[in-house]
Protein backbone atom coordinates (compact mmCIF):
# COMPACT_ATOMS: atom_id res chain seq x y z
CA MET A 1 0.00 0.00 0.00
CA LEU A 2 1.35 3.38 -1.01
CA PHE A 3 -0.93 5.93 0.55
CA CYS A 4 -3.13 4.45 3.23
CA PHE A 5 -0.27 4.13 5.69
CA LEU A 6 0.04 7.93 5.62
CA LEU A 7 -3.55 8.68 6.54
CA ILE A 8 -3.91 10.62 9.75
CA THR A 9 -6.80 10.10 12.15
CA THR A 10 -7.94 13.70 12.21
CA GLY A 11 -11.50 14.91 11.84
CA TYR A 12 -12.72 15.06 8.28
CA ILE A 13 -13.00 18.50 6.67
CA SER A 14 -15.09 19.04 3.57
CA PHE A 15 -16.18 21.99 1.50
CA ALA A 16 -19.14 20.09 0.08
CA GLN A 17 -21.24 17.01 0.65
CA GLU A 18 -22.73 16.26 -2.75
CA THR A 19 -23.49 12.77 -3.93
CA ILE A 20 -21.08 11.50 -6.58
CA THR A 21 -22.55 11.01 -10.04
CA TYR A 22 -19.53 9.98 -12.13
CA ASP A 23 -15.85 9.12 -11.87
CA VAL A 24 -13.91 10.06 -15.01
CA VAL A 25 -10.39 8.74 -15.63
CA TYR A 26 -7.82 10.70 -17.66
CA GLU A 27 -4.24 10.02 -18.58
CA PHE A 28 -2.20 13.08 -17.64
CA ARG A 29 1.08 13.70 -19.51
CA TYR A 30 3.22 16.63 -18.41
CA VAL A 31 6.63 17.76 -19.65
CA ARG A 32 7.72 18.86 -16.20
CA ASP A 33 11.43 19.04 -17.04
CA LEU A 34 12.32 21.01 -20.16
CA ALA A 35 15.80 19.51 -19.96
CA ASN A 36 14.30 16.03 -20.31
CA LYS A 37 11.35 16.39 -22.71
CA SER A 38 11.49 12.77 -23.81
CA ASN A 39 10.60 11.61 -20.30
CA PRO A 40 7.31 13.34 -19.37
CA TYR A 41 5.53 12.86 -16.08
CA VAL A 42 2.63 10.41 -16.67
CA SER A 43 -0.17 9.57 -14.26
CA ASN A 44 -3.79 8.45 -14.44
CA MET A 45 -6.10 10.93 -12.74
CA VAL A 46 -9.70 10.66 -11.53
CA LEU A 47 -12.23 13.48 -11.78
CA THR A 48 -15.08 12.78 -9.37
CA LEU A 49 -18.22 14.73 -10.27
CA GLY A 50 -21.15 15.86 -8.20
CA GLN A 51 -23.92 18.12 -9.43
CA SER A 52 -21.87 21.30 -8.89
CA THR A 53 -18.67 20.17 -7.18
CA SER A 54 -15.77 17.96 -8.17
CA ARG A 55 -12.53 16.39 -6.94
CA TYR A 56 -9.47 15.73 -9.13
CA ILE A 57 -6.78 13.44 -7.74
CA SER A 58 -4.37 10.74 -8.90
CA GLU A 59 -5.91 7.34 -9.54
CA ARG A 60 -3.19 5.82 -7.37
CA ASP A 61 -4.21 7.81 -4.29
CA TYR A 62 -7.89 7.40 -5.13
CA LYS A 63 -7.56 3.61 -5.07
CA GLU A 64 -5.31 3.42 -2.03
CA ILE A 65 -7.59 5.60 0.08
CA ASN A 66 -10.67 3.64 -0.93
CA ARG A 67 -8.86 0.38 -0.25
CA ALA A 68 -7.92 1.64 3.21
CA PHE A 69 -11.51 2.65 3.85
CA ALA A 70 -12.85 -0.72 2.68
CA SER A 71 -10.43 -2.62 4.93
CA LYS A 72 -11.84 -0.83 7.98
CA LYS A 73 -15.51 -1.29 7.17
CA PRO A 74 -17.50 -3.95 9.03
CA LYS A 75 -17.75 -7.08 6.89
CA ALA A 76 -21.54 -6.86 6.90
CA GLN A 77 -21.30 -3.65 4.86
CA GLN A 78 -20.30 -3.62 1.23
CA PRO A 79 -17.40 -1.26 0.50
CA THR A 80 -17.70 1.30 -2.27
CA GLN A 81 -14.89 2.71 -4.33
CA ALA A 82 -16.14 6.29 -4.13
CA ARG A 83 -16.01 6.96 -0.38
CA PRO A 84 -13.35 8.97 1.43
CA ALA A 85 -11.08 7.71 4.13
CA THR A 86 -12.25 9.32 7.36
CA ALA A 87 -11.17 9.36 10.97
CA ALA A 88 -12.11 5.69 11.07
CA THR A 89 -9.10 4.91 8.92
CA ALA A 90 -6.24 3.89 11.17
CA THR A 91 -2.78 5.33 10.87
CA ARG A 92 -0.06 2.92 9.86
CA VAL A 93 3.53 4.06 10.21
CA VAL A 94 6.07 3.31 7.54
CA ALA A 95 8.76 1.13 9.04
CA GLY A 96 12.17 2.71 8.74
CA GLY A 97 11.35 6.29 7.77
CA LEU A 98 9.33 8.70 5.70
CA PRO A 99 8.20 7.57 2.24
CA LEU A 100 9.04 9.46 -0.93
CA PHE A 101 6.84 8.39 -3.84
CA VAL A 102 8.63 8.45 -7.19
CA ASN A 103 8.18 7.30 -10.77
CA ARG A 104 10.39 7.16 -13.83
CA SER A 105 10.24 10.94 -14.34
CA GLY A 106 10.84 12.09 -10.78
CA VAL A 107 8.87 12.66 -7.61
CA ALA A 108 5.19 11.68 -7.86
CA MET A 109 2.79 14.61 -7.73
CA GLN A 110 0.29 14.52 -4.89
CA GLU A 111 -2.11 17.31 -5.69
CA GLU A 112 -5.86 17.49 -5.32
CA VAL A 113 -8.12 20.05 -7.01
CA MET A 114 -11.57 20.74 -5.56
CA LYS A 115 -13.99 22.86 -7.62
CA ASP A 116 -17.24 24.40 -6.40
CA GLN A 117 -19.37 25.86 -9.18
CA VAL A 118 -21.90 27.38 -6.74
CA ARG A 119 -19.35 29.19 -4.58
CA HIS A 120 -17.22 29.87 -7.67
CA THR A 121 -14.10 28.71 -5.85
CA ILE A 122 -11.30 26.28 -6.46
CA GLU A 123 -9.04 24.69 -3.84
CA THR A 124 -5.63 23.43 -4.88
CA ILE A 125 -4.22 21.08 -2.23
CA GLY A 126 -0.65 19.85 -2.42
CA LEU A 127 0.49 17.10 -0.06
CA ILE A 128 4.08 17.76 1.04
CA ASN A 129 5.77 16.64 4.27
CA LEU A 130 2.52 15.11 5.56
CA LYS A 131 0.76 18.48 5.34
CA ALA A 132 -2.05 19.62 3.09
CA ASN A 133 -0.93 22.93 1.59
CA ILE A 134 -4.15 24.65 0.51
CA VAL A 135 -4.70 27.58 -1.82
CA GLU A 136 -8.27 28.81 -2.32
CA THR A 137 -8.90 31.11 -5.29
CA PRO A 138 -11.85 32.14 -7.43
CA LEU A 139 -12.82 29.55 -10.02
CA PRO A 140 -10.93 30.54 -13.19
CA VAL A 141 -13.03 32.12 -15.92
CA ILE A 142 -11.68 30.95 -19.27
CA ASN A 143 -12.82 32.78 -22.38
CA TRP A 144 -13.44 29.76 -24.56
CA VAL A 145 -13.95 30.10 -28.30
CA LEU A 146 -16.17 27.36 -29.71
CA GLN A 147 -14.95 25.80 -32.95
CA PRO A 148 -17.07 24.03 -35.61
CA GLU A 149 -15.08 20.76 -35.54
CA LYS A 150 -16.68 17.74 -33.91
CA LYS A 151 -15.53 14.18 -33.26
CA LYS A 152 -16.41 11.07 -31.30
CA ILE A 153 -14.54 10.21 -28.11
CA ASP A 154 -15.68 6.82 -26.89
CA LYS A 155 -19.47 7.01 -27.35
CA TYR A 156 -19.69 10.78 -26.85
CA THR A 157 -20.05 13.43 -29.54
CA CYS A 158 -17.58 16.19 -28.75
CA GLN A 159 -17.01 19.73 -29.98
CA LYS A 160 -13.71 21.56 -30.13
CA ALA A 161 -12.98 24.75 -28.17
CA THR A 162 -9.87 26.85 -27.58
CA GLY A 163 -8.99 29.10 -24.69
CA ASN A 164 -6.12 30.71 -22.80
CA TYR A 165 -5.52 29.81 -19.18
CA ALA A 166 -2.53 30.61 -16.95
CA GLY A 167 -0.28 31.51 -19.87
CA ARG A 168 -1.07 28.50 -22.04
CA VAL A 169 -3.41 28.16 -25.02
CA TYR A 170 -5.52 25.01 -24.69
CA GLU A 171 -7.37 23.02 -27.32
CA VAL A 172 -10.12 20.95 -25.72
CA TRP A 173 -12.91 18.60 -26.74
CA PHE A 174 -16.08 18.71 -24.65
CA THR A 175 -19.35 16.80 -24.81
CA PRO A 176 -22.81 18.26 -24.14
CA ASP A 177 -23.90 14.65 -23.62
CA LEU A 178 -22.47 15.05 -20.10
CA PRO A 179 -23.85 18.45 -18.98
CA TYR A 180 -21.14 19.37 -16.47
CA HIS A 181 -19.25 22.68 -16.75
CA ASP A 182 -16.11 20.88 -15.69
CA GLY A 183 -13.03 19.04 -16.86
CA PRO A 184 -9.65 17.69 -15.77
CA TRP A 185 -7.48 19.73 -13.40
CA LYS A 186 -8.64 23.38 -13.35
CA LEU A 187 -10.19 23.46 -16.81
CA ASN A 188 -13.89 24.33 -16.69
CA GLY A 189 -16.61 26.59 -18.02
CA LEU A 190 -17.88 24.89 -21.18
CA PRO A 191 -21.46 23.64 -21.80
CA GLY A 192 -20.39 20.05 -21.32
CA LEU A 193 -17.66 17.91 -19.78
CA ILE A 194 -14.14 18.27 -21.20
CA LEU A 195 -12.89 14.81 -22.23
CA GLU A 196 -9.61 15.76 -23.92
CA ALA A 197 -7.30 18.75 -23.67
CA HIS A 198 -3.78 19.80 -24.53
CA ASP A 199 -1.80 23.00 -24.63
CA ALA A 200 -0.34 24.41 -27.86
CA ASN A 201 3.08 22.84 -27.24
CA ASN A 202 1.71 19.45 -26.11
CA GLU A 203 3.53 19.91 -22.82
CA ILE A 204 0.26 19.36 -20.94
CA VAL A 205 -2.05 16.62 -22.23
CA PHE A 206 -5.23 15.14 -20.74
CA SER A 207 -6.61 12.05 -22.54
CA PHE A 208 -9.94 10.41 -21.75
CA LYS A 209 -9.68 6.80 -20.55
CA GLY A 210 -13.11 5.96 -19.18
CA ILE A 211 -16.13 6.95 -17.12
CA THR A 212 -18.08 5.11 -14.42
CA ARG A 213 -21.48 6.04 -13.03
CA ASN A 214 -21.66 5.92 -9.24
CA GLU A 215 -24.47 3.79 -7.82
CA ASP A 216 -23.83 4.44 -4.12
CA ARG A 217 -26.00 7.32 -2.92
CA GLU A 218 -23.93 7.63 0.26
CA ALA A 219 -20.71 8.34 -1.64
CA LYS A 220 -19.89 12.05 -1.51
CA VAL A 221 -17.57 14.51 -3.24
CA VAL A 222 -15.15 15.27 -0.43
CA SER A 223 -11.48 16.12 -0.10
CA TYR A 224 -9.08 13.28 0.68
CA TYR A 225 -5.99 15.30 1.57
CA LYS A 226 -7.72 17.37 4.24
CA ASN A 227 -7.33 14.41 6.57
CA PHE A 228 -3.77 15.69 6.95
CA PRO A 229 -2.79 18.80 8.95
CA VAL A 230 -3.92 21.80 6.93
CA VAL A 231 -1.65 24.70 6.02
CA LYS A 232 -3.37 27.56 4.24
CA THR A 233 -1.08 29.46 1.93
CA ASN A 234 -1.11 31.75 -1.10
CA SER A 235 -0.59 30.92 -4.74
CA LYS A 236 2.93 32.36 -4.99
CA THR A 237 4.22 30.46 -1.95
CA TYR A 238 2.48 27.25 -3.01
CA LYS A 239 3.98 27.29 -6.49
CA ARG A 240 7.43 27.99 -5.08
CA THR A 241 7.08 25.06 -2.68
CA MET A 242 5.90 22.68 -5.41
CA GLN A 243 8.79 23.70 -7.65
CA ALA A 244 11.33 23.14 -4.87
CA PHE A 245 9.84 19.71 -4.20
CA ALA A 246 10.04 18.72 -7.87
CA GLU A 247 13.64 19.94 -8.15
CA ASP A 248 14.95 18.33 -4.95
CA PRO A 249 12.30 16.44 -2.96
CA GLU A 250 14.76 14.86 -0.54
CA ALA A 251 16.09 18.28 0.47
CA VAL A 252 12.55 19.52 1.14
CA ILE A 253 11.75 16.52 3.33
CA THR A 254 15.06 16.74 5.19
CA SER A 255 14.52 20.43 5.93
CA ALA A 256 11.25 19.56 7.69
CA PHE A 257 12.42 16.28 9.28
CA PRO A 258 16.23 16.52 9.74
CA GLU A 259 16.50 13.20 11.59
CA ALA A 260 14.17 11.19 9.37
CA ARG A 261 15.27 8.47 6.99
CA ILE A 262 13.74 8.74 3.53
CA MET A 263 12.30 5.56 2.04
CA ILE A 264 11.91 5.54 -1.77
CA ALA A 265 8.62 4.00 -2.98
CA CYS A 266 8.19 3.47 -6.73
CA VAL A 267 4.58 3.94 -7.82
CA ASP A 268 4.55 3.18 -11.55
CA GLY A 269 6.14 -0.26 -11.78
CA SER A 270 9.29 1.09 -13.40
CA GLY A 271 11.51 -0.03 -10.53
CA THR A 272 12.91 3.45 -9.99
CA LYS A 273 15.09 3.54 -6.88
CA GLN A 274 15.81 7.26 -6.69
CA ALA A 275 14.07 10.59 -7.05
CA ILE A 276 15.21 12.09 -10.34
CA LYS A 277 15.67 15.82 -9.84
CA VAL A 278 14.00 18.21 -12.26
CA LYS A 279 16.69 20.37 -13.85
CA LYS A 280 14.64 22.90 -15.83
CA TYR A 281 11.25 23.16 -14.18
CA ASN A 282 8.29 23.80 -16.48
CA PRO A 283 5.35 25.00 -14.37
CA ILE A 284 1.89 24.01 -15.53
CA GLU A 285 0.73 27.55 -14.80
CA LEU A 286 3.07 29.97 -16.53
CA LYS A 287 1.15 33.00 -15.24
CA ASP A 288 -1.10 33.76 -12.28
């Protein structure tokens, strides 16, 4: 288990309690290191949708948290894959030191994005040093330009749109068949769910992999990372912290826990035994 042994038995904090309608899986490809473009960061991500709220998190953490929750449920109850780990989830300490999750392109990103279309807010939550670093900002308003092109993605008829967000021009494909003004990561604001997206340089790519309807009416759209100690911060400080962690994660951990031993945990099956440092960091958001 990669994540459940980090869960902390704190009270659960949530910005919303909507029932989940769908879980959408995307493949996320990100040229995080401009000095190593041939080795992009790759991770499957899950967008969990409610009527007006959503959660976006790595599929790895999504599965580990749900597995931890299921292992603690009474056997008479049937576990569901869409419920959060709560205070009922026991803490399990990593033997030998603090874990550092890595894959073939460097340190694994542990970031959660929570959108609220009613409050018009977005929470970006980065998990670093066992703390949930939270930035709350207004939901970005992207001036999309609808294009005439259409195509099929899976069984959904999609329309093309282009827009500029955070210094990058995105081309996206959205489907009115799924009437959610949402999409992967922070992309939102179209009259249908965004199933595919990429920036003009193909440094950021979101590819649709599948969608599952939730049948459990008790499953809610809630934050997973807020089970950790919360640190509220601003966008500038958060981005600086995330960059430092990508460039030298071991140094960031050691600065917070000088006496701790760092245990490398590979999360993508590549057998990576070390955290590859990013040499020329390429932020997803080029501008505020």
